[in-house]
Every structure is written in C-alpha cells, then in structure tokens.
Amino acid sequence: MTWLFCDRIATKIDKNNGISMITHNFNTLDLLTSPVWIVSPFEEQLIYANSAARLLMQDLTFSQLRTGPYSVSSQKELPKYLSDLQNQHDIIEILTVQRKEEETALSCRLVLRKLTEAEPVIIFEGIEAPATLGLKASRSANYQRKKQGFYARFFLTNSAPMLLIDPSRDGQIVDANLAALNFYGYNHETMCQKHT
C-alpha cells in the first residue's frame, strides 16, 4: 500500500483493491505557523506535512526526523502508541529538524484521529518554545543538595529517575536521585562525573 500526496487530497493506492480517497483537504493546515505532520501508524508513512513542517524537514524523510541525533521517542514503532493515544494519554516525541542549516530538536505532541472509518492517523504537532530559544545557561554555583530545601526533598522523594544537568558544563550531571542511580547502575560519585 502506498500514499500519493497532492495539495488537496491524500490518495491511498491499494494494489488489490484499487484507489480509495481520503476526502479531507489539508491545505488549511498550511495556514498554521506550527509544524504538523499526519502519519499513518501502521505503514509508518507520512500522509501530509504542512508548510511549516516541510520547511523543517528540508530533504529529510519523516523516519529520519524520528531517528536523528536529537530525536527521542518512547516507542520505536508507531502502532505501539495507539492504545495510549486512544486512552488520551499525553505523548511527546522529540524530532530532529533542520533550522538555519543546523540540526536541532523539536518537541511534538501526538494525537490520534480518524480520517477514514478504516484507519486512524497520528498527528504530530510541533510545540515551539520561542521564549527559551534565546536563553543561554550560565555556569551554576557549586551545587549542594542539602542547601536546596524543597527541591532537594522533591528530588529525593520522586520515584522517577531524575538527573540534574548543568548545560554550561557541557551537560555534566551534578546530581542524580536514587531511582536514576538504580536505573543507570552507577554510584552517586561516578554518576556525577558523567556528561549527557
């Protein structure tokens, strides 16, 4: 099964059953400044990318966006998201996109929709963070957990693996909670010598 793309209609060609049409007009998505990708989860094929998304893709395929150096996903295969998306769980993936001829990360919110009665699609909606794009981290003072009050208690009582990372020190880990130490298999001193 393959997908053909044009400005107005995505057409699915099934070699056995002929042509079936998706009658949705995706041109209105080009009015958005946020990048939007519509993806078939079973074939893991791009159905449509709006103009903002195409600008970020340049010559890359959607698969390359999901597997680039800055890409992060909890599931490698899109069908594994379907159950969580049907239950309206929040899922975020980070794609590697092109901005000003450089690779960079873009967070995307995933949403499940049905365009036809037969097949659902996953919509990847880019989440722009313009307020943080111009910020530059300054070097942190010597971090000491005991002096941090509420944050130290939150850090120590959270059962999720958490790392405190100093971006101005090339991503050096300055603290890790017990869950992270157990997850990565290092002691605290060794972990704090690592970089992300």
C-alpha atoms as a PDB file:
ATOM      1  CA  MET A   1       0.000   0.000   0.000  1.00  0.00           C
ATOM      2  CA  THR A   2       1.420   3.442  -0.888  1.00  0.00           C
ATOM      3  CA  TRP A   3       0.366   7.026  -0.381  1.00  0.00           C
ATOM      4  CA  LEU A   4       0.361   9.757  -3.015  1.00  0.00           C
ATOM      5  CA  PHE A   5       0.371  13.376  -1.934  1.00  0.00           C
ATOM      6  CA  CYS A   6      -1.022  16.445  -3.559  1.00  0.00           C
ATOM      7  CA  ASP A   7      -2.094  19.826  -2.218  1.00  0.00           C
ATOM      8  CA  ARG A   8      -5.731  18.947  -1.751  1.00  0.00           C
ATOM      9  CA  ILE A   9      -6.167  15.213  -1.237  1.00  0.00           C
ATOM     10  CA  ALA A  10      -4.085  12.322   0.012  1.00  0.00           C
ATOM     11  CA  THR A  11      -4.784   9.261  -2.097  1.00  0.00           C
ATOM     12  CA  LYS A  12      -4.133   5.743  -0.898  1.00  0.00           C
ATOM     13  CA  ILE A  13      -3.416   3.133  -3.544  1.00  0.00           C
ATOM     14  CA  ASP A  14      -4.002  -0.456  -2.544  1.00  0.00           C
ATOM     15  CA  LYS A  15      -2.713  -2.866  -5.195  1.00  0.00           C
ATOM     16  CA  ASN A  16      -5.520  -5.345  -4.520  1.00  0.00           C
ATOM     17  CA  ASN A  17      -8.455  -3.003  -4.035  1.00  0.00           C
ATOM     18  CA  GLY A  18      -7.657  -0.117  -6.356  1.00  0.00           C
ATOM     19  CA  ILE A  19      -7.761   3.501  -5.229  1.00  0.00           C
ATOM     20  CA  SER A  20      -9.562   4.852  -2.197  1.00  0.00           C
ATOM     21  CA  MET A  21      -9.676   8.557  -1.443  1.00  0.00           C
ATOM     22  CA  ILE A  22      -9.312  10.440   1.788  1.00  0.00           C
ATOM     23  CA  THR A  23     -11.598  13.377   1.204  1.00  0.00           C
ATOM     24  CA  HIS A  24     -10.007  15.721   3.722  1.00  0.00           C
ATOM     25  CA  ASN A  25      -8.495  18.942   2.451  1.00  0.00           C
ATOM     26  CA  PHE A  26      -5.241  19.505   4.295  1.00  0.00           C
ATOM     27  CA  ASN A  27      -4.491  22.923   2.752  1.00  0.00           C
ATOM     28  CA  THR A  28      -5.890  24.716   5.781  1.00  0.00           C
ATOM     29  CA  LEU A  29      -3.049  23.261   7.852  1.00  0.00           C
ATOM     30  CA  ASP A  30      -0.672  25.404   5.788  1.00  0.00           C
ATOM     31  CA  LEU A  31      -2.162  28.461   7.496  1.00  0.00           C
ATOM     32  CA  LEU A  32      -0.701  27.308  10.812  1.00  0.00           C
ATOM     33  CA  THR A  33       2.718  28.517  11.895  1.00  0.00           C
ATOM     34  CA  SER A  34       3.188  25.348  13.962  1.00  0.00           C
ATOM     35  CA  PRO A  35       4.566  22.343  12.099  1.00  0.00           C
ATOM     36  CA  VAL A  36       2.082  19.479  11.686  1.00  0.00           C
ATOM     37  CA  TRP A  37       2.741  16.001  10.314  1.00  0.00           C
ATOM     38  CA  ILE A  38      -0.048  13.474   9.637  1.00  0.00           C
ATOM     39  CA  VAL A  39       1.281   9.920   9.725  1.00  0.00           C
ATOM     40  CA  SER A  40      -0.214   6.504   9.042  1.00  0.00           C
ATOM     41  CA  PRO A  41       0.761   4.480  12.131  1.00  0.00           C
ATOM     42  CA  PHE A  42       0.637   1.027  10.547  1.00  0.00           C
ATOM     43  CA  GLU A  43       2.676   1.805   7.429  1.00  0.00           C
ATOM     44  CA  GLU A  44       4.627   4.471   9.355  1.00  0.00           C
ATOM     45  CA  GLN A  45       4.320   6.653   6.257  1.00  0.00           C
ATOM     46  CA  LEU A  46       3.870  10.402   6.084  1.00  0.00           C
ATOM     47  CA  ILE A  47       0.448  11.335   4.737  1.00  0.00           C
ATOM     48  CA  TYR A  48       0.827  15.109   4.888  1.00  0.00           C
ATOM     49  CA  ALA A  49       3.172  17.775   6.226  1.00  0.00           C
ATOM     50  CA  ASN A  50       2.040  21.390   6.368  1.00  0.00           C
ATOM     51  CA  SER A  51       4.277  24.166   5.009  1.00  0.00           C
ATOM     52  CA  ALA A  52       5.893  24.844   8.420  1.00  0.00           C
ATOM     53  CA  ALA A  53       6.715  21.132   8.758  1.00  0.00           C
ATOM     54  CA  ARG A  54       8.088  20.897   5.214  1.00  0.00           C
ATOM     55  CA  LEU A  55      10.377  23.840   5.948  1.00  0.00           C
ATOM     56  CA  LEU A  56      11.818  21.984   8.955  1.00  0.00           C
ATOM     57  CA  MET A  57      12.133  18.705   7.035  1.00  0.00           C
ATOM     58  CA  GLN A  58      14.015  20.049   4.014  1.00  0.00           C
ATOM     59  CA  ASP A  59      15.275  16.850   2.323  1.00  0.00           C
ATOM     60  CA  LEU A  60      14.753  14.531   5.295  1.00  0.00           C
ATOM     61  CA  THR A  61      12.134  11.801   5.488  1.00  0.00           C
ATOM     62  CA  PHE A  62       9.800  11.566   8.476  1.00  0.00           C
ATOM     63  CA  SER A  63      11.619   8.416   9.561  1.00  0.00           C
ATOM     64  CA  GLN A  64      14.873  10.389   9.624  1.00  0.00           C
ATOM     65  CA  LEU A  65      13.221  13.059  11.791  1.00  0.00           C
ATOM     66  CA  ARG A  66      12.269  10.370  14.332  1.00  0.00           C
ATOM     67  CA  THR A  67      15.722   8.748  14.375  1.00  0.00           C
ATOM     68  CA  GLY A  68      18.033  11.775  14.182  1.00  0.00           C
ATOM     69  CA  PRO A  69      20.714  12.639  16.754  1.00  0.00           C
ATOM     70  CA  TYR A  70      18.358  14.751  18.896  1.00  0.00           C
ATOM     71  CA  SER A  71      15.314  12.502  18.470  1.00  0.00           C
ATOM     72  CA  VAL A  72      13.713  10.852  21.483  1.00  0.00           C
ATOM     73  CA  SER A  73      10.719   8.522  21.460  1.00  0.00           C
ATOM     74  CA  SER A  74       9.331   6.110  23.996  1.00  0.00           C
ATOM     75  CA  GLN A  75       8.247   3.718  21.231  1.00  0.00           C
ATOM     76  CA  LYS A  76      10.213   2.927  18.079  1.00  0.00           C
ATOM     77  CA  GLU A  77       7.117   1.591  16.289  1.00  0.00           C
ATOM     78  CA  LEU A  78       4.127   3.929  15.935  1.00  0.00           C
ATOM     79  CA  PRO A  79       1.420   1.232  16.380  1.00  0.00           C
ATOM     80  CA  LYS A  80       2.624   0.772  19.966  1.00  0.00           C
ATOM     81  CA  TYR A  81       1.307   4.277  20.746  1.00  0.00           C
ATOM     82  CA  LEU A  82      -2.254   3.513  19.634  1.00  0.00           C
ATOM     83  CA  SER A  83      -3.566   2.145  22.925  1.00  0.00           C
ATOM     84  CA  ASP A  84      -2.229   5.078  24.942  1.00  0.00           C
ATOM     85  CA  LEU A  85      -3.450   7.602  22.387  1.00  0.00           C
ATOM     86  CA  GLN A  86      -6.921   6.022  22.358  1.00  0.00           C
ATOM     87  CA  ASN A  87      -6.973   6.475  26.140  1.00  0.00           C
ATOM     88  CA  GLN A  88      -5.993  10.133  25.587  1.00  0.00           C
ATOM     89  CA  HIS A  89      -2.639   9.869  27.350  1.00  0.00           C
ATOM     90  CA  ASP A  90      -0.225  12.704  26.675  1.00  0.00           C
ATOM     91  CA  ILE A  91       2.627  11.566  24.453  1.00  0.00           C
ATOM     92  CA  ILE A  92       5.518  13.782  23.408  1.00  0.00           C
ATOM     93  CA  GLU A  93       8.242  12.860  20.933  1.00  0.00           C
ATOM     94  CA  ILE A  94      11.300  14.898  20.102  1.00  0.00           C
ATOM     95  CA  LEU A  95      12.179  15.079  16.413  1.00  0.00           C
ATOM     96  CA  THR A  96      15.467  16.179  14.854  1.00  0.00           C
ATOM     97  CA  VAL A  97      14.661  19.004  12.417  1.00  0.00           C
ATOM     98  CA  GLN A  98      16.644  21.478  10.296  1.00  0.00           C
ATOM     99  CA  ARG A  99      16.741  25.161  11.290  1.00  0.00           C
ATOM    100  CA  LYS A 100      19.147  27.603   9.658  1.00  0.00           C
ATOM    101  CA  GLU A 101      21.095  24.692   8.146  1.00  0.00           C
ATOM    102  CA  GLU A 102      21.644  23.128  11.585  1.00  0.00           C
ATOM    103  CA  GLU A 103      20.049  20.107  13.202  1.00  0.00           C
ATOM    104  CA  THR A 104      18.019  20.915  16.294  1.00  0.00           C
ATOM    105  CA  ALA A 105      15.337  19.338  18.479  1.00  0.00           C
ATOM    106  CA  LEU A 106      11.596  19.948  18.206  1.00  0.00           C
ATOM    107  CA  SER A 107       9.076  18.594  20.717  1.00  0.00           C
ATOM    108  CA  CYS A 108       5.863  17.236  19.215  1.00  0.00           C
ATOM    109  CA  ARG A 109       2.547  16.365  20.837  1.00  0.00           C
ATOM    110  CA  LEU A 110       0.956  13.221  19.401  1.00  0.00           C
ATOM    111  CA  VAL A 111      -2.794  12.974  18.825  1.00  0.00           C
ATOM    112  CA  LEU A 112      -4.843  10.123  17.360  1.00  0.00           C
ATOM    113  CA  ARG A 113      -7.569  10.954  14.816  1.00  0.00           C
ATOM    114  CA  LYS A 114      -9.641   9.011  12.315  1.00  0.00           C
ATOM    115  CA  LEU A 115      -9.766  10.444   8.810  1.00  0.00           C
ATOM    116  CA  THR A 116     -11.489   7.395   7.382  1.00  0.00           C
ATOM    117  CA  GLU A 117     -13.581   4.715   9.020  1.00  0.00           C
ATOM    118  CA  ALA A 118     -10.880   2.115   8.491  1.00  0.00           C
ATOM    119  CA  GLU A 119      -7.595   3.670   9.549  1.00  0.00           C
ATOM    120  CA  PRO A 120      -6.579   6.086  12.286  1.00  0.00           C
ATOM    121  CA  VAL A 121      -3.744   8.561  11.810  1.00  0.00           C
ATOM    122  CA  ILE A 122      -1.306  10.045  14.276  1.00  0.00           C
ATOM    123  CA  ILE A 123      -0.893  13.803  14.157  1.00  0.00           C
ATOM    124  CA  PHE A 124       2.498  15.128  15.254  1.00  0.00           C
ATOM    125  CA  GLU A 125       2.016  18.748  16.320  1.00  0.00           C
ATOM    126  CA  GLY A 126       5.237  20.712  16.788  1.00  0.00           C
ATOM    127  CA  ILE A 127       5.485  22.628  20.051  1.00  0.00           C
ATOM    128  CA  GLU A 128       7.537  25.772  19.563  1.00  0.00           C
ATOM    129  CA  ALA A 129       9.219  27.256  22.619  1.00  0.00           C
ATOM    130  CA  PRO A 130      10.217  30.763  21.468  1.00  0.00           C
ATOM    131  CA  ALA A 131      10.842  32.058  24.986  1.00  0.00           C
ATOM    132  CA  THR A 132      13.612  29.550  25.605  1.00  0.00           C
ATOM    133  CA  LEU A 133      15.299  29.675  22.211  1.00  0.00           C
ATOM    134  CA  GLY A 134      17.396  32.742  23.055  1.00  0.00           C
ATOM    135  CA  LEU A 135      18.338  31.769  26.603  1.00  0.00           C
ATOM    136  CA  LYS A 136      21.861  30.730  27.387  1.00  0.00           C
ATOM    137  CA  ALA A 137      22.699  28.870  30.554  1.00  0.00           C
ATOM    138  CA  SER A 138      25.155  30.399  32.953  1.00  0.00           C
ATOM    139  CA  ARG A 139      27.532  28.277  34.962  1.00  0.00           C
ATOM    140  CA  SER A 140      25.889  27.047  38.150  1.00  0.00           C
ATOM    141  CA  ALA A 141      27.477  27.576  41.524  1.00  0.00           C
ATOM    142  CA  ASN A 142      28.773  24.502  43.270  1.00  0.00           C
ATOM    143  CA  TYR A 143      25.624  22.510  43.780  1.00  0.00           C
ATOM    144  CA  GLN A 144      24.958  21.067  47.213  1.00  0.00           C
ATOM    145  CA  ARG A 145      21.759  19.105  47.621  1.00  0.00           C
ATOM    146  CA  LYS A 146      21.401  19.761  51.374  1.00  0.00           C
ATOM    147  CA  LYS A 147      21.142  23.515  50.819  1.00  0.00           C
ATOM    148  CA  GLN A 148      18.367  23.291  48.258  1.00  0.00           C
ATOM    149  CA  GLY A 149      15.309  22.811  50.578  1.00  0.00           C
ATOM    150  CA  PHE A 150      12.071  21.973  48.770  1.00  0.00           C
ATOM    151  CA  TYR A 151      13.809  20.957  45.557  1.00  0.00           C
ATOM    152  CA  ALA A 152      16.046  18.507  47.382  1.00  0.00           C
ATOM    153  CA  ARG A 153      13.026  16.898  49.073  1.00  0.00           C
ATOM    154  CA  PHE A 154      11.185  16.691  45.747  1.00  0.00           C
ATOM    155  CA  PHE A 155      14.270  15.270  44.068  1.00  0.00           C
ATOM    156  CA  LEU A 156      14.812  12.648  46.775  1.00  0.00           C
ATOM    157  CA  THR A 157      11.182  11.539  47.127  1.00  0.00           C
ATOM    158  CA  ASN A 158      10.372  11.225  43.422  1.00  0.00           C
ATOM    159  CA  SER A 159      10.343   7.614  42.211  1.00  0.00           C
ATOM    160  CA  ALA A 160      11.120   8.603  38.604  1.00  0.00           C
ATOM    161  CA  PRO A 161      14.786   8.683  37.568  1.00  0.00           C
ATOM    162  CA  MET A 162      15.887  12.326  37.706  1.00  0.00           C
ATOM    163  CA  LEU A 163      19.187  13.919  36.747  1.00  0.00           C
ATOM    164  CA  LEU A 164      20.253  17.491  37.421  1.00  0.00           C
ATOM    165  CA  ILE A 165      22.348  18.574  34.439  1.00  0.00           C
ATOM    166  CA  ASP A 166      24.468  21.713  34.051  1.00  0.00           C
ATOM    167  CA  PRO A 167      24.360  22.737  30.362  1.00  0.00           C
ATOM    168  CA  SER A 168      27.136  25.298  30.825  1.00  0.00           C
ATOM    169  CA  ARG A 169      29.491  22.476  31.838  1.00  0.00           C
ATOM    170  CA  ASP A 170      28.901  20.581  28.601  1.00  0.00           C
ATOM    171  CA  GLY A 171      25.971  18.676  30.095  1.00  0.00           C
ATOM    172  CA  GLN A 172      27.724  17.440  33.219  1.00  0.00           C
ATOM    173  CA  ILE A 173      25.458  15.623  35.652  1.00  0.00           C
ATOM    174  CA  VAL A 174      25.630  17.411  39.014  1.00  0.00           C
ATOM    175  CA  ASP A 175      23.104  15.285  40.907  1.00  0.00           C
ATOM    176  CA  ALA A 176      21.019  12.134  40.476  1.00  0.00           C
ATOM    177  CA  ASN A 177      18.264  10.703  42.624  1.00  0.00           C
ATOM    178  CA  LEU A 178      18.219   7.107  43.859  1.00  0.00           C
ATOM    179  CA  ALA A 179      15.885   5.955  41.057  1.00  0.00           C
ATOM    180  CA  ALA A 180      18.359   7.261  38.442  1.00  0.00           C
ATOM    181  CA  LEU A 181      21.302   5.619  40.183  1.00  0.00           C
ATOM    182  CA  ASN A 182      19.464   2.289  40.196  1.00  0.00           C
ATOM    183  CA  PHE A 183      18.360   2.736  36.580  1.00  0.00           C
ATOM    184  CA  TYR A 184      21.834   3.565  35.222  1.00  0.00           C
ATOM    185  CA  GLY A 185      23.717   1.285  37.628  1.00  0.00           C
ATOM    186  CA  TYR A 186      26.253   3.832  38.899  1.00  0.00           C
ATOM    187  CA  ASN A 187      27.002   5.144  42.368  1.00  0.00           C
ATOM    188  CA  HIS A 188      26.461   8.863  43.042  1.00  0.00           C
ATOM    189  CA  GLU A 189      30.117   9.865  42.686  1.00  0.00           C
ATOM    190  CA  THR A 190      30.557   8.050  39.356  1.00  0.00           C
ATOM    191  CA  MET A 191      27.267   9.408  38.005  1.00  0.00           C
ATOM    192  CA  CYS A 192      28.308  12.999  38.791  1.00  0.00           C
ATOM    193  CA  GLN A 193      31.425  12.573  36.641  1.00  0.00           C
ATOM    194  CA  LYS A 194      29.323  11.718  33.568  1.00  0.00           C
ATOM    195  CA  HIS A 195      28.081  14.061  30.849  1.00  0.00           C
ATOM    196  CA  THR A 196      24.888  13.785  28.825  1.00  0.00           C
END
